[in-house]
């Protein structure tokens, strides 16, 4: 493999975001990139995750500044709404660009 291709692959791998390497976290970010906001219950339904697993993945994304959460009450029940932040949007775009670069690199 020519050196230029090696560098291209290395560069793409370096640009992958480890945070988005988990299926659920990547799914959360992709879904939130397509919607203004989604509730915990809707994310749970779409991703087919358990409460505990989804909660842990959302917390990791929130801790890294990729998502924000707004909590409110509807009919006396708590509802958490999640949105992708600018940091999350740019992180997702860089991650997807790196994946595209890897896919398009000739072997």
PDB file of N, CA and C in Angstrom:
ATOM      1  N   UNK A   1       0.849  -1.173   0.000  1.00  0.00           N
ATOM      2  CA  UNK A   1       0.000   0.000   0.000  1.00  0.00           C
ATOM      3  C   UNK A   1       0.899   1.242   0.000  1.00  0.00           C
ATOM      4  N   UNK A   2       0.680   2.158  -0.919  1.00  0.00           N
ATOM      5  CA  UNK A   2       1.502   3.359  -0.978  1.00  0.00           C
ATOM      6  C   UNK A   2       1.406   4.178   0.306  1.00  0.00           C
ATOM      7  N   UNK A   3       2.463   4.908   0.573  1.00  0.00           N
ATOM      8  CA  UNK A   3       2.552   5.723   1.793  1.00  0.00           C
ATOM      9  C   UNK A   3       1.417   6.728   1.898  1.00  0.00           C
ATOM     10  N   UNK A   4       1.013   7.300   0.767  1.00  0.00           N
ATOM     11  CA  UNK A   4      -0.068   8.293   0.761  1.00  0.00           C
ATOM     12  C   UNK A   4      -1.372   7.677   1.264  1.00  0.00           C
ATOM     13  N   UNK A   5      -1.650   6.457   0.858  1.00  0.00           N
ATOM     14  CA  UNK A   5      -2.850   5.771   1.313  1.00  0.00           C
ATOM     15  C   UNK A   5      -2.758   5.453   2.801  1.00  0.00           C
ATOM     16  N   UNK A   6      -1.574   5.054   3.255  1.00  0.00           N
ATOM     17  CA  UNK A   6      -1.373   4.793   4.687  1.00  0.00           C
ATOM     18  C   UNK A   6      -1.682   6.038   5.501  1.00  0.00           C
ATOM     19  N   UNK A   7      -1.178   7.173   5.038  1.00  0.00           N
ATOM     20  CA  UNK A   7      -1.409   8.436   5.740  1.00  0.00           C
ATOM     21  C   UNK A   7      -2.887   8.802   5.728  1.00  0.00           C
ATOM     22  N   UNK A   8      -3.564   8.552   4.620  1.00  0.00           N
ATOM     23  CA  UNK A   8      -4.989   8.848   4.505  1.00  0.00           C
ATOM     24  C   UNK A   8      -5.797   8.006   5.494  1.00  0.00           C
ATOM     25  N   UNK A   9      -5.453   6.744   5.580  1.00  0.00           N
ATOM     26  CA  UNK A   9      -6.146   5.851   6.519  1.00  0.00           C
ATOM     27  C   UNK A   9      -5.847   6.254   7.955  1.00  0.00           C
ATOM     28  N   UNK A  10      -4.587   6.547   8.251  1.00  0.00           N
ATOM     29  CA  UNK A  10      -4.212   6.960   9.599  1.00  0.00           C
ATOM     30  C   UNK A  10      -4.933   8.245   9.986  1.00  0.00           C
ATOM     31  N   UNK A  11      -4.982   9.186   9.065  1.00  0.00           N
ATOM     32  CA  UNK A  11      -5.659  10.452   9.329  1.00  0.00           C
ATOM     33  C   UNK A  11      -7.147  10.225   9.616  1.00  0.00           C
ATOM     34  N   UNK A  12      -7.787   9.393   8.815  1.00  0.00           N
ATOM     35  CA  UNK A  12      -9.208   9.095   9.014  1.00  0.00           C
ATOM     36  C   UNK A  12      -9.433   8.405  10.354  1.00  0.00           C
ATOM     37  N   UNK A  13      -8.587   7.451  10.688  1.00  0.00           N
ATOM     38  CA  UNK A  13      -8.720   6.749  11.968  1.00  0.00           C
ATOM     39  C   UNK A  13      -8.536   7.713  13.143  1.00  0.00           C
ATOM     40  N   UNK A  14      -7.587   8.641  13.004  1.00  0.00           N
ATOM     41  CA  UNK A  14      -7.349   9.631  14.062  1.00  0.00           C
ATOM     42  C   UNK A  14      -8.550  10.556  14.249  1.00  0.00           C
ATOM     43  N   UNK A  15      -9.329  10.752  13.176  1.00  0.00           N
ATOM     44  CA  UNK A  15     -10.484  11.649  13.241  1.00  0.00           C
ATOM     45  C   UNK A  15     -11.761  10.975  13.729  1.00  0.00           C
ATOM     46  N   UNK A  16     -11.724   9.655  13.888  1.00  0.00           N
ATOM     47  CA  UNK A  16     -12.886   8.970  14.463  1.00  0.00           C
ATOM     48  C   UNK A  16     -12.994   9.358  15.933  1.00  0.00           C
ATOM     49  N   UNK A  17     -14.196   9.607  16.376  1.00  0.00           N
ATOM     50  CA  UNK A  17     -14.433   9.999  17.759  1.00  0.00           C
ATOM     51  C   UNK A  17     -14.782   8.745  18.564  1.00  0.00           C
ATOM     52  N   UNK A  18     -13.952   8.426  19.551  1.00  0.00           N
ATOM     53  CA  UNK A  18     -14.174   7.216  20.357  1.00  0.00           C
ATOM     54  C   UNK A  18     -15.526   7.244  21.060  1.00  0.00           C
ATOM     55  N   UNK A  19     -15.995   8.431  21.407  1.00  0.00           N
ATOM     56  CA  UNK A  19     -17.292   8.565  22.061  1.00  0.00           C
ATOM     57  C   UNK A  19     -18.406   8.017  21.171  1.00  0.00           C
ATOM     58  N   UNK A  20     -18.255   8.197  19.861  1.00  0.00           N
ATOM     59  CA  UNK A  20     -19.290   7.757  18.920  1.00  0.00           C
ATOM     60  C   UNK A  20     -19.055   6.338  18.412  1.00  0.00           C
ATOM     61  N   UNK A  21     -18.084   5.647  18.984  1.00  0.00           N
ATOM     62  CA  UNK A  21     -17.822   4.273  18.604  1.00  0.00           C
ATOM     63  C   UNK A  21     -18.861   3.302  19.140  1.00  0.00           C
ATOM     64  N   UNK A  22     -19.629   3.724  20.121  1.00  0.00           N
ATOM     65  CA  UNK A  22     -20.685   2.880  20.696  1.00  0.00           C
ATOM     66  C   UNK A  22     -21.954   3.050  19.865  1.00  0.00           C
ATOM     67  N   UNK A  23     -22.577   1.944  19.519  1.00  0.00           N
ATOM     68  CA  UNK A  23     -23.776   1.934  18.673  1.00  0.00           C
ATOM     69  C   UNK A  23     -24.858   2.886  19.174  1.00  0.00           C
ATOM     70  N   UNK A  24     -25.166   2.827  20.455  1.00  0.00           N
ATOM     71  CA  UNK A  24     -26.254   3.649  20.990  1.00  0.00           C
ATOM     72  C   UNK A  24     -25.903   5.131  20.953  1.00  0.00           C
ATOM     73  N   UNK A  25     -24.663   5.488  21.294  1.00  0.00           N
ATOM     74  CA  UNK A  25     -24.277   6.906  21.288  1.00  0.00           C
ATOM     75  C   UNK A  25     -24.287   7.471  19.872  1.00  0.00           C
ATOM     76  N   UNK A  26     -23.801   6.688  18.911  1.00  0.00           N
ATOM     77  CA  UNK A  26     -23.849   7.129  17.517  1.00  0.00           C
ATOM     78  C   UNK A  26     -25.306   7.278  17.080  1.00  0.00           C
ATOM     79  N   UNK A  27     -26.132   6.303  17.425  1.00  0.00           N
ATOM     80  CA  UNK A  27     -27.555   6.363  17.073  1.00  0.00           C
ATOM     81  C   UNK A  27     -28.253   7.573  17.667  1.00  0.00           C
ATOM     82  N   UNK A  28     -27.954   7.867  18.913  1.00  0.00           N
ATOM     83  CA  UNK A  28     -28.547   9.040  19.574  1.00  0.00           C
ATOM     84  C   UNK A  28     -28.197  10.302  18.803  1.00  0.00           C
ATOM     85  N   UNK A  29     -26.924  10.470  18.483  1.00  0.00           N
ATOM     86  CA  UNK A  29     -26.482  11.682  17.793  1.00  0.00           C
ATOM     87  C   UNK A  29     -27.083  11.786  16.388  1.00  0.00           C
ATOM     88  N   UNK A  30     -27.138  10.676  15.672  1.00  0.00           N
ATOM     89  CA  UNK A  30     -27.730  10.687  14.331  1.00  0.00           C
ATOM     90  C   UNK A  30     -29.209  11.062  14.408  1.00  0.00           C
ATOM     91  N   UNK A  31     -29.937  10.466  15.342  1.00  0.00           N
ATOM     92  CA  UNK A  31     -31.354  10.786  15.489  1.00  0.00           C
ATOM     93  C   UNK A  31     -31.560  12.249  15.876  1.00  0.00           C
ATOM     94  N   UNK A  32     -30.744  12.745  16.803  1.00  0.00           N
ATOM     95  CA  UNK A  32     -30.900  14.134  17.236  1.00  0.00           C
ATOM     96  C   UNK A  32     -30.472  15.124  16.151  1.00  0.00           C
ATOM     97  N   UNK A  33     -29.606  14.707  15.242  1.00  0.00           N
ATOM     98  CA  UNK A  33     -29.219  15.562  14.119  1.00  0.00           C
ATOM     99  C   UNK A  33     -30.385  15.724  13.141  1.00  0.00           C
ATOM    100  N   UNK A  34     -31.298  14.771  13.162  1.00  0.00           N
ATOM    101  CA  UNK A  34     -32.446  14.789  12.246  1.00  0.00           C
ATOM    102  C   UNK A  34     -33.691  15.418  12.860  1.00  0.00           C
ATOM    103  N   UNK A  35     -33.685  15.619  14.169  1.00  0.00           N
ATOM    104  CA  UNK A  35     -34.846  16.157  14.876  1.00  0.00           C
ATOM    105  C   UNK A  35     -34.396  17.285  15.800  1.00  0.00           C
ATOM    106  N   UNK A  36     -35.274  18.224  16.038  1.00  0.00           N
ATOM    107  CA  UNK A  36     -34.958  19.325  16.940  1.00  0.00           C
ATOM    108  C   UNK A  36     -34.708  18.817  18.345  1.00  0.00           C
ATOM    109  N   UNK A  37     -35.568  17.915  18.798  1.00  0.00           N
ATOM    110  CA  UNK A  37     -35.448  17.320  20.132  1.00  0.00           C
ATOM    111  C   UNK A  37     -36.211  16.004  20.140  1.00  0.00           C
ATOM    112  N   UNK A  38     -35.749  15.089  20.970  1.00  0.00           N
ATOM    113  CA  UNK A  38     -36.449  13.820  21.167  1.00  0.00           C
ATOM    114  C   UNK A  38     -36.506  13.525  22.654  1.00  0.00           C
ATOM    115  N   UNK A  39     -37.609  12.916  23.065  1.00  0.00           N
ATOM    116  CA  UNK A  39     -37.761  12.555  24.471  1.00  0.00           C
ATOM    117  C   UNK A  39     -37.013  11.253  24.758  1.00  0.00           C
ATOM    118  N   UNK A  40     -36.760  11.030  26.040  1.00  0.00           N
ATOM    119  CA  UNK A  40     -36.105   9.801  26.482  1.00  0.00           C
ATOM    120  C   UNK A  40     -36.896   8.595  25.982  1.00  0.00           C
ATOM    121  N   UNK A  41     -38.216   8.636  26.150  1.00  0.00           N
ATOM    122  CA  UNK A  41     -39.027   7.474  25.763  1.00  0.00           C
ATOM    123  C   UNK A  41     -38.984   7.227  24.260  1.00  0.00           C
ATOM    124  N   UNK A  42     -38.924   8.289  23.464  1.00  0.00           N
ATOM    125  CA  UNK A  42     -38.857   8.115  22.010  1.00  0.00           C
ATOM    126  C   UNK A  42     -37.489   7.550  21.603  1.00  0.00           C
ATOM    127  N   UNK A  43     -36.412   8.050  22.203  1.00  0.00           N
ATOM    128  CA  UNK A  43     -35.091   7.508  21.929  1.00  0.00           C
ATOM    129  C   UNK A  43     -35.024   6.035  22.323  1.00  0.00           C
ATOM    130  N   UNK A  44     -35.596   5.705  23.457  1.00  0.00           N
ATOM    131  CA  UNK A  44     -35.615   4.321  23.938  1.00  0.00           C
ATOM    132  C   UNK A  44     -36.331   3.418  22.926  1.00  0.00           C
ATOM    133  N   UNK A  45     -37.448   3.898  22.436  1.00  0.00           N
ATOM    134  CA  UNK A  45     -38.232   3.136  21.460  1.00  0.00           C
ATOM    135  C   UNK A  45     -37.460   2.958  20.148  1.00  0.00           C
ATOM    136  N   UNK A  46     -36.887   4.033  19.633  1.00  0.00           N
ATOM    137  CA  UNK A  46     -36.193   3.980  18.346  1.00  0.00           C
ATOM    138  C   UNK A  46     -34.915   3.150  18.403  1.00  0.00           C
ATOM    139  N   UNK A  47     -34.204   3.232  19.504  1.00  0.00           N
ATOM    140  CA  UNK A  47     -32.924   2.531  19.621  1.00  0.00           C
ATOM    141  C   UNK A  47     -33.051   1.148  20.250  1.00  0.00           C
ATOM    142  N   UNK A  48     -34.236   0.852  20.789  1.00  0.00           N
ATOM    143  CA  UNK A  48     -34.492  -0.438  21.438  1.00  0.00           C
ATOM    144  C   UNK A  48     -33.481  -0.707  22.540  1.00  0.00           C
ATOM    145  N   UNK A  49     -33.292   0.283  23.410  1.00  0.00           N
ATOM    146  CA  UNK A  49     -32.377   0.195  24.545  1.00  0.00           C
ATOM    147  C   UNK A  49     -33.178   0.095  25.842  1.00  0.00           C
ATOM    148  N   UNK A  50     -32.550  -0.444  26.863  1.00  0.00           N
ATOM    149  CA  UNK A  50     -33.179  -0.450  28.184  1.00  0.00           C
ATOM    150  C   UNK A  50     -33.027   0.929  28.805  1.00  0.00           C
ATOM    151  N   UNK A  51     -33.819   1.216  29.826  1.00  0.00           N
ATOM    152  CA  UNK A  51     -33.723   2.503  30.524  1.00  0.00           C
ATOM    153  C   UNK A  51     -32.304   2.742  31.027  1.00  0.00           C
ATOM    154  N   UNK A  52     -31.734   1.740  31.679  1.00  0.00           N
ATOM    155  CA  UNK A  52     -30.409   1.885  32.269  1.00  0.00           C
ATOM    156  C   UNK A  52     -29.325   2.120  31.235  1.00  0.00           C
ATOM    157  N   UNK A  53     -29.344   1.349  30.171  1.00  0.00           N
ATOM    158  CA  UNK A  53     -28.337   1.489  29.118  1.00  0.00           C
ATOM    159  C   UNK A  53     -28.459   2.842  28.427  1.00  0.00           C
ATOM    160  N   UNK A  54     -29.672   3.214  28.055  1.00  0.00           N
ATOM    161  CA  UNK A  54     -29.878   4.497  27.386  1.00  0.00           C
ATOM    162  C   UNK A  54     -29.477   5.643  28.299  1.00  0.00           C
ATOM    163  N   UNK A  55     -29.869   5.569  29.554  1.00  0.00           N
ATOM    164  CA  UNK A  55     -29.509   6.623  30.504  1.00  0.00           C
ATOM    165  C   UNK A  55     -28.009   6.796  30.627  1.00  0.00           C
ATOM    166  N   UNK A  56     -27.277   5.690  30.664  1.00  0.00           N
ATOM    167  CA  UNK A  56     -25.818   5.752  30.773  1.00  0.00           C
ATOM    168  C   UNK A  56     -25.199   6.379  29.524  1.00  0.00           C
ATOM    169  N   UNK A  57     -25.708   6.012  28.361  1.00  0.00           N
ATOM    170  CA  UNK A  57     -25.163   6.558  27.108  1.00  0.00           C
ATOM    171  C   UNK A  57     -25.489   8.041  26.953  1.00  0.00           C
ATOM    172  N   UNK A  58     -26.693   8.423  27.349  1.00  0.00           N
ATOM    173  CA  UNK A  58     -27.067   9.847  27.302  1.00  0.00           C
ATOM    174  C   UNK A  58     -26.194  10.660  28.244  1.00  0.00           C
ATOM    175  N   UNK A  59     -25.913  10.112  29.419  1.00  0.00           N
ATOM    176  CA  UNK A  59     -25.075  10.813  30.399  1.00  0.00           C
ATOM    177  C   UNK A  59     -23.675  11.054  29.840  1.00  0.00           C
ATOM    178  N   UNK A  60     -23.109  10.045  29.180  1.00  0.00           N
ATOM    179  CA  UNK A  60     -21.772  10.193  28.595  1.00  0.00           C
ATOM    180  C   UNK A  60     -21.759  11.282  27.543  1.00  0.00           C
ATOM    181  N   UNK A  61     -22.787  11.307  26.697  1.00  0.00           N
ATOM    182  CA  UNK A  61     -22.865  12.344  25.666  1.00  0.00           C
ATOM    183  C   UNK A  61     -23.061  13.728  26.287  1.00  0.00           C
ATOM    184  N   UNK A  62     -23.870  13.785  27.327  1.00  0.00           N
ATOM    185  CA  UNK A  62     -24.106  15.061  28.014  1.00  0.00           C
ATOM    186  C   UNK A  62     -22.828  15.543  28.705  1.00  0.00           C
ATOM    187  N   UNK A  63     -22.108  14.639  29.352  1.00  0.00           N
ATOM    188  CA  UNK A  63     -20.861  14.996  30.035  1.00  0.00           C
ATOM    189  C   UNK A  63     -19.816  15.540  29.069  1.00  0.00           C
ATOM    190  N   UNK A  64     -19.838  15.063  27.829  1.00  0.00           N
ATOM    191  CA  UNK A  64     -18.880  15.516  26.812  1.00  0.00           C
ATOM    192  C   UNK A  64     -19.380  16.729  26.041  1.00  0.00           C
ATOM    193  N   UNK A  65     -20.580  17.218  26.382  1.00  0.00           N
ATOM    194  CA  UNK A  65     -21.122  18.407  25.734  1.00  0.00           C
ATOM    195  C   UNK A  65     -21.743  18.160  24.370  1.00  0.00           C
ATOM    196  N   UNK A  66     -21.986  16.888  24.031  1.00  0.00           N
ATOM    197  CA  UNK A  66     -22.563  16.571  22.729  1.00  0.00           C
ATOM    198  C   UNK A  66     -24.075  16.782  22.701  1.00  0.00           C
ATOM    199  N   UNK A  67     -24.718  16.640  23.843  1.00  0.00           N
ATOM    200  CA  UNK A  67     -26.168  16.831  23.910  1.00  0.00           C
ATOM    201  C   UNK A  67     -26.510  17.687  25.122  1.00  0.00           C
ATOM    202  N   UNK A  68     -27.696  18.267  25.055  1.00  0.00           N
ATOM    203  CA  UNK A  68     -28.226  18.978  26.215  1.00  0.00           C
ATOM    204  C   UNK A  68     -29.586  18.370  26.546  1.00  0.00           C
ATOM    205  N   UNK A  69     -30.006  18.553  27.787  1.00  0.00           N
ATOM    206  CA  UNK A  69     -31.277  17.980  28.230  1.00  0.00           C
ATOM    207  C   UNK A  69     -32.116  19.069  28.879  1.00  0.00           C
ATOM    208  N   UNK A  70     -33.405  19.012  28.596  1.00  0.00           N
ATOM    209  CA  UNK A  70     -34.367  19.915  29.231  1.00  0.00           C
ATOM    210  C   UNK A  70     -35.433  19.032  29.866  1.00  0.00           C
ATOM    211  N   UNK A  71     -35.677  19.254  31.145  1.00  0.00           N
ATOM    212  CA  UNK A  71     -36.661  18.433  31.859  1.00  0.00           C
ATOM    213  C   UNK A  71     -37.901  19.264  32.131  1.00  0.00           C
ATOM    214  N   UNK A  72     -39.048  18.638  31.926  1.00  0.00           N
ATOM    215  CA  UNK A  72     -40.321  19.310  32.184  1.00  0.00           C
ATOM    216  C   UNK A  72     -41.335  18.281  32.669  1.00  0.00           C
ATOM    217  N   UNK A  73     -42.466  18.763  33.081  1.00  0.00           N
ATOM    218  CA  UNK A  73     -43.547  17.877  33.505  1.00  0.00           C
ATOM    219  C   UNK A  73     -44.700  18.002  32.528  1.00  0.00           C
ATOM    220  N   UNK A  74     -45.232  16.860  32.121  1.00  0.00           N
ATOM    221  CA  UNK A  74     -46.436  16.804  31.278  1.00  0.00           C
ATOM    222  C   UNK A  74     -47.414  15.876  31.977  1.00  0.00           C
ATOM    223  N   UNK A  75     -48.578  16.421  32.268  1.00  0.00           N
ATOM    224  CA  UNK A  75     -49.587  15.645  32.997  1.00  0.00           C
ATOM    225  C   UNK A  75     -49.003  15.048  34.274  1.00  0.00           C
ATOM    226  N   UNK A  76     -48.236  15.868  34.971  1.00  0.00           N
ATOM    227  CA  UNK A  76     -47.610  15.507  36.243  1.00  0.00           C
ATOM    228  C   UNK A  76     -46.545  14.413  36.139  1.00  0.00           C
ATOM    229  N   UNK A  77     -46.102  14.136  34.920  1.00  0.00           N
ATOM    230  CA  UNK A  77     -45.060  13.127  34.722  1.00  0.00           C
ATOM    231  C   UNK A  77     -43.818  13.818  34.167  1.00  0.00           C
ATOM    232  N   UNK A  78     -42.642  13.425  34.675  1.00  0.00           N
ATOM    233  CA  UNK A  78     -41.415  14.040  34.158  1.00  0.00           C
ATOM    234  C   UNK A  78     -41.101  13.555  32.738  1.00  0.00           C
ATOM    235  N   UNK A  79     -40.689  14.512  31.897  1.00  0.00           N
ATOM    236  CA  UNK A  79     -40.269  14.198  30.528  1.00  0.00           C
ATOM    237  C   UNK A  79     -38.929  14.887  30.295  1.00  0.00           C
ATOM    238  N   UNK A  80     -37.957  14.117  29.809  1.00  0.00           N
ATOM    239  CA  UNK A  80     -36.643  14.669  29.476  1.00  0.00           C
ATOM    240  C   UNK A  80     -36.532  14.777  27.967  1.00  0.00           C
ATOM    241  N   UNK A  81     -36.182  15.979  27.490  1.00  0.00           N
ATOM    242  CA  UNK A  81     -36.011  16.244  26.063  1.00  0.00           C
ATOM    243  C   UNK A  81     -34.530  16.444  25.775  1.00  0.00           C
ATOM    244  N   UNK A  82     -34.030  15.776  24.760  1.00  0.00           N
ATOM    245  CA  UNK A  82     -32.617  15.840  24.416  1.00  0.00           C
ATOM    246  C   UNK A  82     -32.426  16.520  23.066  1.00  0.00           C
ATOM    247  N   UNK A  83     -31.380  17.354  23.000  1.00  0.00           N
ATOM    248  CA  UNK A  83     -31.021  18.072  21.776  1.00  0.00           C
ATOM    249  C   UNK A  83     -29.532  17.909  21.523  1.00  0.00           C
ATOM    250  N   UNK A  84     -29.161  17.905  20.254  1.00  0.00           N
ATOM    251  CA  UNK A  84     -27.757  17.872  19.876  1.00  0.00           C
ATOM    252  C   UNK A  84     -27.203  19.294  19.977  1.00  0.00           C
ATOM    253  N   UNK A  85     -26.072  19.464  20.624  1.00  0.00           N
ATOM    254  CA  UNK A  85     -25.447  20.779  20.744  1.00  0.00           C
ATOM    255  C   UNK A  85     -24.591  21.055  19.503  1.00  0.00           C
ATOM    256  N   UNK A  86     -24.065  22.254  19.405  1.00  0.00           N
ATOM    257  CA  UNK A  86     -23.138  22.577  18.307  1.00  0.00           C
ATOM    258  C   UNK A  86     -21.907  21.687  18.379  1.00  0.00           C
ATOM    259  N   UNK A  87     -21.415  21.448  19.586  1.00  0.00           N
ATOM    260  CA  UNK A  87     -20.270  20.547  19.774  1.00  0.00           C
ATOM    261  C   UNK A  87     -20.609  19.152  19.263  1.00  0.00           C
ATOM    262  N   UNK A  88     -21.811  18.684  19.587  1.00  0.00           N
ATOM    263  CA  UNK A  88     -22.245  17.368  19.133  1.00  0.00           C
ATOM    264  C   UNK A  88     -22.396  17.304  17.628  1.00  0.00           C
ATOM    265  N   UNK A  89     -22.961  18.359  17.046  1.00  0.00           N
ATOM    266  CA  UNK A  89     -23.148  18.401  15.595  1.00  0.00           C
ATOM    267  C   UNK A  89     -21.805  18.357  14.876  1.00  0.00           C
ATOM    268  N   UNK A  90     -20.863  19.179  15.320  1.00  0.00           N
ATOM    269  CA  UNK A  90     -19.555  19.197  14.650  1.00  0.00           C
ATOM    270  C   UNK A  90     -18.794  17.890  14.907  1.00  0.00           C
ATOM    271  N   UNK A  91     -18.919  17.330  16.113  1.00  0.00           N
ATOM    272  CA  UNK A  91     -18.270  16.050  16.405  1.00  0.00           C
ATOM    273  C   UNK A  91     -18.827  14.929  15.548  1.00  0.00           C
ATOM    274  N   UNK A  92     -20.140  14.917  15.375  1.00  0.00           N
ATOM    275  CA  UNK A  92     -20.783  13.905  14.531  1.00  0.00           C
ATOM    276  C   UNK A  92     -20.341  14.068  13.086  1.00  0.00           C
ATOM    277  N   UNK A  93     -20.315  15.290  12.592  1.00  0.00           N
ATOM    278  CA  UNK A  93     -19.905  15.526  11.207  1.00  0.00           C
ATOM    279  C   UNK A  93     -18.468  15.066  10.968  1.00  0.00           C
ATOM    280  N   UNK A  94     -17.565  15.388  11.892  1.00  0.00           N
ATOM    281  CA  UNK A  94     -16.164  14.958  11.749  1.00  0.00           C
ATOM    282  C   UNK A  94     -16.067  13.428  11.752  1.00  0.00           C
ATOM    283  N   UNK A  95     -16.830  12.791  12.642  1.00  0.00           N
ATOM    284  CA  UNK A  95     -16.823  11.331  12.740  1.00  0.00           C
ATOM    285  C   UNK A  95     -17.333  10.710  11.433  1.00  0.00           C
ATOM    286  N   UNK A  96     -18.431  11.220  10.904  1.00  0.00           N
ATOM    287  CA  UNK A  96     -19.003  10.684   9.669  1.00  0.00           C
ATOM    288  C   UNK A  96     -18.086  10.945   8.478  1.00  0.00           C
ATOM    289  N   UNK A  97     -17.443  12.118   8.448  1.00  0.00           N
ATOM    290  CA  UNK A  97     -16.479  12.419   7.378  1.00  0.00           C
ATOM    291  C   UNK A  97     -15.315  11.434   7.417  1.00  0.00           C
ATOM    292  N   UNK A  98     -14.847  11.112   8.621  1.00  0.00           N
ATOM    293  CA  UNK A  98     -13.744  10.154   8.768  1.00  0.00           C
ATOM    294  C   UNK A  98     -14.171   8.770   8.282  1.00  0.00           C
ATOM    295  N   UNK A  99     -15.392   8.367   8.601  1.00  0.00           N
ATOM    296  CA  UNK A  99     -15.893   7.071   8.125  1.00  0.00           C
ATOM    297  C   UNK A  99     -15.969   7.051   6.600  1.00  0.00           C
ATOM    298  N   UNK A 100     -16.464   8.137   6.017  1.00  0.00           N
ATOM    299  CA  UNK A 100     -16.541   8.224   4.553  1.00  0.00           C
ATOM    300  C   UNK A 100     -15.150   8.145   3.938  1.00  0.00           C
ATOM    301  N   UNK A 101     -14.184   8.827   4.554  1.00  0.00           N
ATOM    302  CA  UNK A 101     -12.816   8.800   4.059  1.00  0.00           C
ATOM    303  C   UNK A 101     -12.264   7.377   4.111  1.00  0.00           C
ATOM    304  N   UNK A 102     -12.526   6.665   5.184  1.00  0.00           N
ATOM    305  CA  UNK A 102     -12.066   5.265   5.290  1.00  0.00           C
ATOM    306  C   UNK A 102     -12.713   4.382   4.227  1.00  0.00           C
ATOM    307  N   UNK A 103     -13.998   4.576   4.016  1.00  0.00           N
ATOM    308  CA  UNK A 103     -14.724   3.757   3.046  1.00  0.00           C
ATOM    309  C   UNK A 103     -14.214   4.023   1.633  1.00  0.00           C
ATOM    310  N   UNK A 104     -13.875   5.272   1.344  1.00  0.00           N
ATOM    311  CA  UNK A 104     -13.462   5.642  -0.016  1.00  0.00           C
ATOM    312  C   UNK A 104     -11.977   5.470  -0.281  1.00  0.00           C
ATOM    313  N   UNK A 105     -11.204   5.068   0.715  1.00  0.00           N
ATOM    314  CA  UNK A 105      -9.777   4.848   0.526  1.00  0.00           C
ATOM    315  C   UNK A 105      -9.582   3.529  -0.222  1.00  0.00           C
ATOM    316  N   UNK A 106      -8.873   3.611  -1.326  1.00  0.00           N
ATOM    317  CA  UNK A 106      -8.632   2.392  -2.116  1.00  0.00           C
ATOM    318  C   UNK A 106      -7.585   1.532  -1.433  1.00  0.00           C
ATOM    319  N   UNK A 107      -7.805   0.231  -1.491  1.00  0.00           N
ATOM    320  CA  UNK A 107      -6.844  -0.676  -0.854  1.00  0.00           C
ATOM    321  C   UNK A 107      -5.829  -1.190  -1.841  1.00  0.00           C
TER     322      UNK A 107
END
